[in-house]
């Protein structure tokens, strides 16, 4: 059985996912994509929201023509 990539990521995981250090992530993408608050001090980021932000920045796809990852469609 393979590993499952979690959909909700801590700040450290989200920063690593997009290839940035934690401080750079928090100063840039972390401010543009609102985190989900799960407790008093716990913030998490949606991996799909990060993917969409990256797609928009790179011009890979427009929001209207966003292709659905087959694995995400199963979840």
PDB file of N, CA and C in Angstrom:
ATOM      1  N   UNK A   1       0.848  -1.172   0.000  1.00  0.00           N
ATOM      2  CA  UNK A   1       0.000   0.000   0.000  1.00  0.00           C
ATOM      3  C   UNK A   1       0.899   1.242   0.000  1.00  0.00           C
ATOM      4  N   UNK A   2       0.599   2.236  -0.833  1.00  0.00           N
ATOM      5  CA  UNK A   2       1.416   3.439  -0.944  1.00  0.00           C
ATOM      6  C   UNK A   2       1.060   4.486   0.095  1.00  0.00           C
ATOM      7  N   UNK A   3       1.926   5.460   0.175  1.00  0.00           N
ATOM      8  CA  UNK A   3       1.673   6.579   1.082  1.00  0.00           C
ATOM      9  C   UNK A   3       0.575   7.471   0.535  1.00  0.00           C
ATOM     10  N   UNK A   4      -0.164   8.082   1.434  1.00  0.00           N
ATOM     11  CA  UNK A   4      -1.213   9.022   1.061  1.00  0.00           C
ATOM     12  C   UNK A   4      -0.724  10.417   1.397  1.00  0.00           C
ATOM     13  N   UNK A   5      -0.787  11.324   0.429  1.00  0.00           N
ATOM     14  CA  UNK A   5      -0.445  12.715   0.686  1.00  0.00           C
ATOM     15  C   UNK A   5      -1.635  13.362   1.367  1.00  0.00           C
ATOM     16  N   UNK A   6      -1.443  13.883   2.581  1.00  0.00           N
ATOM     17  CA  UNK A   6      -2.578  14.509   3.266  1.00  0.00           C
ATOM     18  C   UNK A   6      -3.046  15.755   2.531  1.00  0.00           C
ATOM     19  N   UNK A   7      -4.313  16.033   2.616  1.00  0.00           N
ATOM     20  CA  UNK A   7      -4.852  17.229   1.973  1.00  0.00           C
ATOM     21  C   UNK A   7      -4.571  18.471   2.804  1.00  0.00           C
ATOM     22  N   UNK A   8      -4.611  18.328   4.112  1.00  0.00           N
ATOM     23  CA  UNK A   8      -4.379  19.463   4.995  1.00  0.00           C
ATOM     24  C   UNK A   8      -2.962  19.402   5.535  1.00  0.00           C
ATOM     25  N   UNK A   9      -2.234  20.508   5.372  1.00  0.00           N
ATOM     26  CA  UNK A   9      -0.814  20.543   5.689  1.00  0.00           C
ATOM     27  C   UNK A   9      -0.495  21.593   6.746  1.00  0.00           C
ATOM     28  N   UNK A  10       0.402  21.242   7.658  1.00  0.00           N
ATOM     29  CA  UNK A  10       0.893  22.224   8.627  1.00  0.00           C
ATOM     30  C   UNK A  10       1.727  23.258   7.871  1.00  0.00           C
ATOM     31  N   UNK A  11       2.108  24.326   8.537  1.00  0.00           N
ATOM     32  CA  UNK A  11       2.901  25.360   7.874  1.00  0.00           C
ATOM     33  C   UNK A  11       4.225  24.789   7.371  1.00  0.00           C
ATOM     34  N   UNK A  12       4.832  23.908   8.153  1.00  0.00           N
ATOM     35  CA  UNK A  12       6.088  23.298   7.720  1.00  0.00           C
ATOM     36  C   UNK A  12       5.883  22.428   6.485  1.00  0.00           C
ATOM     37  N   UNK A  13       4.820  21.624   6.502  1.00  0.00           N
ATOM     38  CA  UNK A  13       4.523  20.748   5.368  1.00  0.00           C
ATOM     39  C   UNK A  13       4.144  21.554   4.131  1.00  0.00           C
ATOM     40  N   UNK A  14       3.347  22.604   4.318  1.00  0.00           N
ATOM     41  CA  UNK A  14       2.930  23.442   3.186  1.00  0.00           C
ATOM     42  C   UNK A  14       4.135  24.129   2.564  1.00  0.00           C
ATOM     43  N   UNK A  15       5.024  24.633   3.391  1.00  0.00           N
ATOM     44  CA  UNK A  15       6.234  25.293   2.882  1.00  0.00           C
ATOM     45  C   UNK A  15       7.080  24.299   2.093  1.00  0.00           C
ATOM     46  N   UNK A  16       7.270  23.118   2.634  1.00  0.00           N
ATOM     47  CA  UNK A  16       8.052  22.082   1.948  1.00  0.00           C
ATOM     48  C   UNK A  16       7.357  21.662   0.654  1.00  0.00           C
ATOM     49  N   UNK A  17       6.024  21.563   0.678  1.00  0.00           N
ATOM     50  CA  UNK A  17       5.250  21.154  -0.493  1.00  0.00           C
ATOM     51  C   UNK A  17       5.483  22.098  -1.673  1.00  0.00           C
ATOM     52  N   UNK A  18       5.556  23.406  -1.392  1.00  0.00           N
ATOM     53  CA  UNK A  18       5.753  24.377  -2.477  1.00  0.00           C
ATOM     54  C   UNK A  18       7.219  24.714  -2.701  1.00  0.00           C
ATOM     55  N   UNK A  19       8.096  24.126  -1.890  1.00  0.00           N
ATOM     56  CA  UNK A  19       9.525  24.307  -2.110  1.00  0.00           C
ATOM     57  C   UNK A  19      10.112  25.571  -1.516  1.00  0.00           C
ATOM     58  N   UNK A  20       9.523  26.074  -0.435  1.00  0.00           N
ATOM     59  CA  UNK A  20      10.011  27.286   0.208  1.00  0.00           C
ATOM     60  C   UNK A  20      10.357  27.009   1.667  1.00  0.00           C
ATOM     61  N   UNK A  21      11.152  27.906   2.244  1.00  0.00           N
ATOM     62  CA  UNK A  21      11.389  27.822   3.679  1.00  0.00           C
ATOM     63  C   UNK A  21      10.128  28.304   4.396  1.00  0.00           C
ATOM     64  N   UNK A  22      10.006  27.941   5.648  1.00  0.00           N
ATOM     65  CA  UNK A  22       8.829  28.358   6.414  1.00  0.00           C
ATOM     66  C   UNK A  22       8.685  29.880   6.460  1.00  0.00           C
ATOM     67  N   UNK A  23       9.758  30.635   6.770  1.00  0.00           N
ATOM     68  CA  UNK A  23       9.593  32.098   6.815  1.00  0.00           C
ATOM     69  C   UNK A  23       9.160  32.704   5.478  1.00  0.00           C
ATOM     70  N   UNK A  24       9.721  32.196   4.390  1.00  0.00           N
ATOM     71  CA  UNK A  24       9.351  32.726   3.068  1.00  0.00           C
ATOM     72  C   UNK A  24       7.909  32.352   2.737  1.00  0.00           C
ATOM     73  N   UNK A  25       7.518  31.117   3.040  1.00  0.00           N
ATOM     74  CA  UNK A  25       6.125  30.697   2.813  1.00  0.00           C
ATOM     75  C   UNK A  25       5.166  31.603   3.583  1.00  0.00           C
ATOM     76  N   UNK A  26       5.442  31.829   4.861  1.00  0.00           N
ATOM     77  CA  UNK A  26       4.546  32.637   5.686  1.00  0.00           C
ATOM     78  C   UNK A  26       4.484  34.087   5.208  1.00  0.00           C
ATOM     79  N   UNK A  27       5.570  34.597   4.667  1.00  0.00           N
ATOM     80  CA  UNK A  27       5.602  35.985   4.208  1.00  0.00           C
ATOM     81  C   UNK A  27       4.974  36.166   2.830  1.00  0.00           C
ATOM     82  N   UNK A  28       4.810  35.085   2.083  1.00  0.00           N
ATOM     83  CA  UNK A  28       4.297  35.192   0.714  1.00  0.00           C
ATOM     84  C   UNK A  28       2.998  34.406   0.546  1.00  0.00           C
ATOM     85  N   UNK A  29       3.120  33.178   0.144  1.00  0.00           N
ATOM     86  CA  UNK A  29       1.942  32.354  -0.150  1.00  0.00           C
ATOM     87  C   UNK A  29       1.030  32.215   1.061  1.00  0.00           C
ATOM     88  N   UNK A  30       1.612  32.053   2.226  1.00  0.00           N
ATOM     89  CA  UNK A  30       0.817  31.890   3.442  1.00  0.00           C
ATOM     90  C   UNK A  30      -0.095  33.059   3.739  1.00  0.00           C
ATOM     91  N   UNK A  31       0.258  34.240   3.225  1.00  0.00           N
ATOM     92  CA  UNK A  31      -0.599  35.417   3.402  1.00  0.00           C
ATOM     93  C   UNK A  31      -1.656  35.510   2.303  1.00  0.00           C
ATOM     94  N   UNK A  32      -1.384  34.900   1.157  1.00  0.00           N
ATOM     95  CA  UNK A  32      -2.321  34.968   0.040  1.00  0.00           C
ATOM     96  C   UNK A  32      -3.391  33.881   0.095  1.00  0.00           C
ATOM     97  N   UNK A  33      -3.041  32.756   0.678  1.00  0.00           N
ATOM     98  CA  UNK A  33      -3.997  31.657   0.828  1.00  0.00           C
ATOM     99  C   UNK A  33      -4.342  31.569   2.304  1.00  0.00           C
ATOM    100  N   UNK A  34      -5.569  31.844   2.663  1.00  0.00           N
ATOM    101  CA  UNK A  34      -5.917  31.817   4.086  1.00  0.00           C
ATOM    102  C   UNK A  34      -5.837  30.405   4.657  1.00  0.00           C
ATOM    103  N   UNK A  35      -5.228  30.275   5.828  1.00  0.00           N
ATOM    104  CA  UNK A  35      -5.174  28.957   6.460  1.00  0.00           C
ATOM    105  C   UNK A  35      -6.515  28.599   7.085  1.00  0.00           C
ATOM    106  N   UNK A  36      -6.667  27.346   7.374  1.00  0.00           N
ATOM    107  CA  UNK A  36      -7.840  26.850   8.093  1.00  0.00           C
ATOM    108  C   UNK A  36      -7.444  26.768   9.558  1.00  0.00           C
ATOM    109  N   UNK A  37      -8.253  27.335  10.428  1.00  0.00           N
ATOM    110  CA  UNK A  37      -7.954  27.302  11.853  1.00  0.00           C
ATOM    111  C   UNK A  37      -8.612  26.075  12.473  1.00  0.00           C
ATOM    112  N   UNK A  38      -7.795  25.216  13.082  1.00  0.00           N
ATOM    113  CA  UNK A  38      -8.328  24.001  13.685  1.00  0.00           C
ATOM    114  C   UNK A  38      -8.280  24.049  15.203  1.00  0.00           C
ATOM    115  N   UNK A  39      -7.781  25.106  15.740  1.00  0.00           N
ATOM    116  CA  UNK A  39      -7.665  25.245  17.187  1.00  0.00           C
ATOM    117  C   UNK A  39      -7.129  26.617  17.514  1.00  0.00           C
ATOM    118  N   UNK A  40      -6.806  26.836  18.749  1.00  0.00           N
ATOM    119  CA  UNK A  40      -6.328  28.142  19.180  1.00  0.00           C
ATOM    120  C   UNK A  40      -5.039  28.527  18.463  1.00  0.00           C
ATOM    121  N   UNK A  41      -4.119  27.590  18.301  1.00  0.00           N
ATOM    122  CA  UNK A  41      -2.826  27.903  17.704  1.00  0.00           C
ATOM    123  C   UNK A  41      -2.530  27.106  16.439  1.00  0.00           C
ATOM    124  N   UNK A  42      -3.403  26.252  16.029  1.00  0.00           N
ATOM    125  CA  UNK A  42      -3.121  25.353  14.902  1.00  0.00           C
ATOM    126  C   UNK A  42      -3.707  25.906  13.620  1.00  0.00           C
ATOM    127  N   UNK A  43      -2.836  26.135  12.644  1.00  0.00           N
ATOM    128  CA  UNK A  43      -3.249  26.574  11.318  1.00  0.00           C
ATOM    129  C   UNK A  43      -2.806  25.523  10.312  1.00  0.00           C
ATOM    130  N   UNK A  44      -3.673  25.228   9.343  1.00  0.00           N
ATOM    131  CA  UNK A  44      -3.339  24.272   8.298  1.00  0.00           C
ATOM    132  C   UNK A  44      -3.735  24.852   6.942  1.00  0.00           C
ATOM    133  N   UNK A  45      -3.042  24.396   5.913  1.00  0.00           N
ATOM    134  CA  UNK A  45      -3.316  24.855   4.552  1.00  0.00           C
ATOM    135  C   UNK A  45      -3.812  23.695   3.718  1.00  0.00           C
ATOM    136  N   UNK A  46      -4.753  24.007   2.837  1.00  0.00           N
ATOM    137  CA  UNK A  46      -5.341  23.020   1.935  1.00  0.00           C
ATOM    138  C   UNK A  46      -4.389  22.818   0.749  1.00  0.00           C
ATOM    139  N   UNK A  47      -3.953  21.592   0.552  1.00  0.00           N
ATOM    140  CA  UNK A  47      -3.022  21.264  -0.534  1.00  0.00           C
ATOM    141  C   UNK A  47      -3.603  21.632  -1.899  1.00  0.00           C
ATOM    142  N   UNK A  48      -4.907  21.447  -2.071  1.00  0.00           N
ATOM    143  CA  UNK A  48      -5.534  21.763  -3.358  1.00  0.00           C
ATOM    144  C   UNK A  48      -5.523  23.275  -3.595  1.00  0.00           C
ATOM    145  N   UNK A  49      -5.733  24.062  -2.536  1.00  0.00           N
ATOM    146  CA  UNK A  49      -5.655  25.522  -2.673  1.00  0.00           C
ATOM    147  C   UNK A  49      -4.239  25.934  -3.056  1.00  0.00           C
ATOM    148  N   UNK A  50      -3.235  25.256  -2.492  1.00  0.00           N
ATOM    149  CA  UNK A  50      -1.846  25.537  -2.865  1.00  0.00           C
ATOM    150  C   UNK A  50      -1.611  25.197  -4.329  1.00  0.00           C
ATOM    151  N   UNK A  51      -2.135  24.057  -4.781  1.00  0.00           N
ATOM    152  CA  UNK A  51      -1.999  23.673  -6.195  1.00  0.00           C
ATOM    153  C   UNK A  51      -2.637  24.707  -7.112  1.00  0.00           C
ATOM    154  N   UNK A  52      -3.820  25.178  -6.746  1.00  0.00           N
ATOM    155  CA  UNK A  52      -4.513  26.176  -7.576  1.00  0.00           C
ATOM    156  C   UNK A  52      -3.740  27.486  -7.624  1.00  0.00           C
ATOM    157  N   UNK A  53      -3.158  27.878  -6.497  1.00  0.00           N
ATOM    158  CA  UNK A  53      -2.366  29.107  -6.458  1.00  0.00           C
ATOM    159  C   UNK A  53      -1.160  28.963  -7.379  1.00  0.00           C
ATOM    160  N   UNK A  54      -0.486  27.814  -7.307  1.00  0.00           N
ATOM    161  CA  UNK A  54       0.674  27.573  -8.163  1.00  0.00           C
ATOM    162  C   UNK A  54       0.260  27.577  -9.629  1.00  0.00           C
ATOM    163  N   UNK A  55      -0.857  26.915  -9.957  1.00  0.00           N
ATOM    164  CA  UNK A  55      -1.352  26.903 -11.337  1.00  0.00           C
ATOM    165  C   UNK A  55      -1.610  28.320 -11.833  1.00  0.00           C
ATOM    166  N   UNK A  56      -2.244  29.141 -11.004  1.00  0.00           N
ATOM    167  CA  UNK A  56      -2.557  30.525 -11.402  1.00  0.00           C
ATOM    168  C   UNK A  56      -1.282  31.334 -11.618  1.00  0.00           C
ATOM    169  N   UNK A  57      -0.297  31.138 -10.766  1.00  0.00           N
ATOM    170  CA  UNK A  57       0.950  31.875 -10.883  1.00  0.00           C
ATOM    171  C   UNK A  57       1.749  31.453 -12.115  1.00  0.00           C
ATOM    172  N   UNK A  58       1.707  30.175 -12.435  1.00  0.00           N
ATOM    173  CA  UNK A  58       2.506  29.664 -13.554  1.00  0.00           C
ATOM    174  C   UNK A  58       1.786  29.742 -14.890  1.00  0.00           C
ATOM    175  N   UNK A  59       0.464  29.981 -14.841  1.00  0.00           N
ATOM    176  CA  UNK A  59      -0.299  30.041 -16.076  1.00  0.00           C
ATOM    177  C   UNK A  59      -0.583  28.664 -16.663  1.00  0.00           C
ATOM    178  N   UNK A  60      -0.394  27.610 -15.872  1.00  0.00           N
ATOM    179  CA  UNK A  60      -0.619  26.247 -16.354  1.00  0.00           C
ATOM    180  C   UNK A  60      -2.061  26.044 -16.766  1.00  0.00           C
ATOM    181  N   UNK A  61      -2.986  26.520 -15.971  1.00  0.00           N
ATOM    182  CA  UNK A  61      -4.395  26.366 -16.318  1.00  0.00           C
ATOM    183  C   UNK A  61      -5.182  27.525 -15.735  1.00  0.00           C
ATOM    184  N   UNK A  62      -6.271  27.813 -16.379  1.00  0.00           N
ATOM    185  CA  UNK A  62      -7.136  28.861 -15.864  1.00  0.00           C
ATOM    186  C   UNK A  62      -8.115  28.234 -14.880  1.00  0.00           C
ATOM    187  N   UNK A  63      -8.656  29.026 -13.931  1.00  0.00           N
ATOM    188  CA  UNK A  63      -9.611  28.462 -12.974  1.00  0.00           C
ATOM    189  C   UNK A  63     -10.830  27.838 -13.634  1.00  0.00           C
ATOM    190  N   UNK A  64     -11.237  28.370 -14.803  1.00  0.00           N
ATOM    191  CA  UNK A  64     -12.417  27.836 -15.478  1.00  0.00           C
ATOM    192  C   UNK A  64     -12.159  26.451 -16.075  1.00  0.00           C
ATOM    193  N   UNK A  65     -10.914  26.179 -16.440  1.00  0.00           N
ATOM    194  CA  UNK A  65     -10.590  24.918 -17.093  1.00  0.00           C
ATOM    195  C   UNK A  65      -9.709  24.046 -16.214  1.00  0.00           C
ATOM    196  N   UNK A  66      -9.854  24.168 -14.921  1.00  0.00           N
ATOM    197  CA  UNK A  66      -9.040  23.402 -13.978  1.00  0.00           C
ATOM    198  C   UNK A  66      -9.323  21.915 -14.149  1.00  0.00           C
ATOM    199  N   UNK A  67      -8.255  21.160 -14.463  1.00  0.00           N
ATOM    200  CA  UNK A  67      -8.411  19.726 -14.570  1.00  0.00           C
ATOM    201  C   UNK A  67      -8.383  19.119 -13.182  1.00  0.00           C
ATOM    202  N   UNK A  68      -9.195  18.132 -12.983  1.00  0.00           N
ATOM    203  CA  UNK A  68      -9.257  17.464 -11.693  1.00  0.00           C
ATOM    204  C   UNK A  68      -8.300  16.283 -11.698  1.00  0.00           C
ATOM    205  N   UNK A  69      -7.425  16.248 -10.719  1.00  0.00           N
ATOM    206  CA  UNK A  69      -6.526  15.120 -10.546  1.00  0.00           C
ATOM    207  C   UNK A  69      -7.400  13.895 -10.283  1.00  0.00           C
ATOM    208  N   UNK A  70      -7.205  12.803 -11.011  1.00  0.00           N
ATOM    209  CA  UNK A  70      -8.041  11.612 -10.807  1.00  0.00           C
ATOM    210  C   UNK A  70      -8.041  11.110  -9.363  1.00  0.00           C
ATOM    211  N   UNK A  71      -6.913  11.222  -8.685  1.00  0.00           N
ATOM    212  CA  UNK A  71      -6.856  10.788  -7.285  1.00  0.00           C
ATOM    213  C   UNK A  71      -7.682  11.704  -6.398  1.00  0.00           C
ATOM    214  N   UNK A  72      -7.647  13.012  -6.672  1.00  0.00           N
ATOM    215  CA  UNK A  72      -8.454  13.955  -5.885  1.00  0.00           C
ATOM    216  C   UNK A  72      -9.948  13.710  -6.112  1.00  0.00           C
ATOM    217  N   UNK A  73     -10.312  13.294  -7.329  1.00  0.00           N
ATOM    218  CA  UNK A  73     -11.727  13.040  -7.630  1.00  0.00           C
ATOM    219  C   UNK A  73     -12.260  11.869  -6.822  1.00  0.00           C
ATOM    220  N   UNK A  74     -11.387  10.945  -6.447  1.00  0.00           N
ATOM    221  CA  UNK A  74     -11.810   9.791  -5.668  1.00  0.00           C
ATOM    222  C   UNK A  74     -12.023  10.129  -4.207  1.00  0.00           C
ATOM    223  N   UNK A  75     -11.414  11.200  -3.747  1.00  0.00           N
ATOM    224  CA  UNK A  75     -11.479  11.549  -2.326  1.00  0.00           C
ATOM    225  C   UNK A  75     -12.673  12.383  -2.004  1.00  0.00           C
TER     226      UNK A  75
END
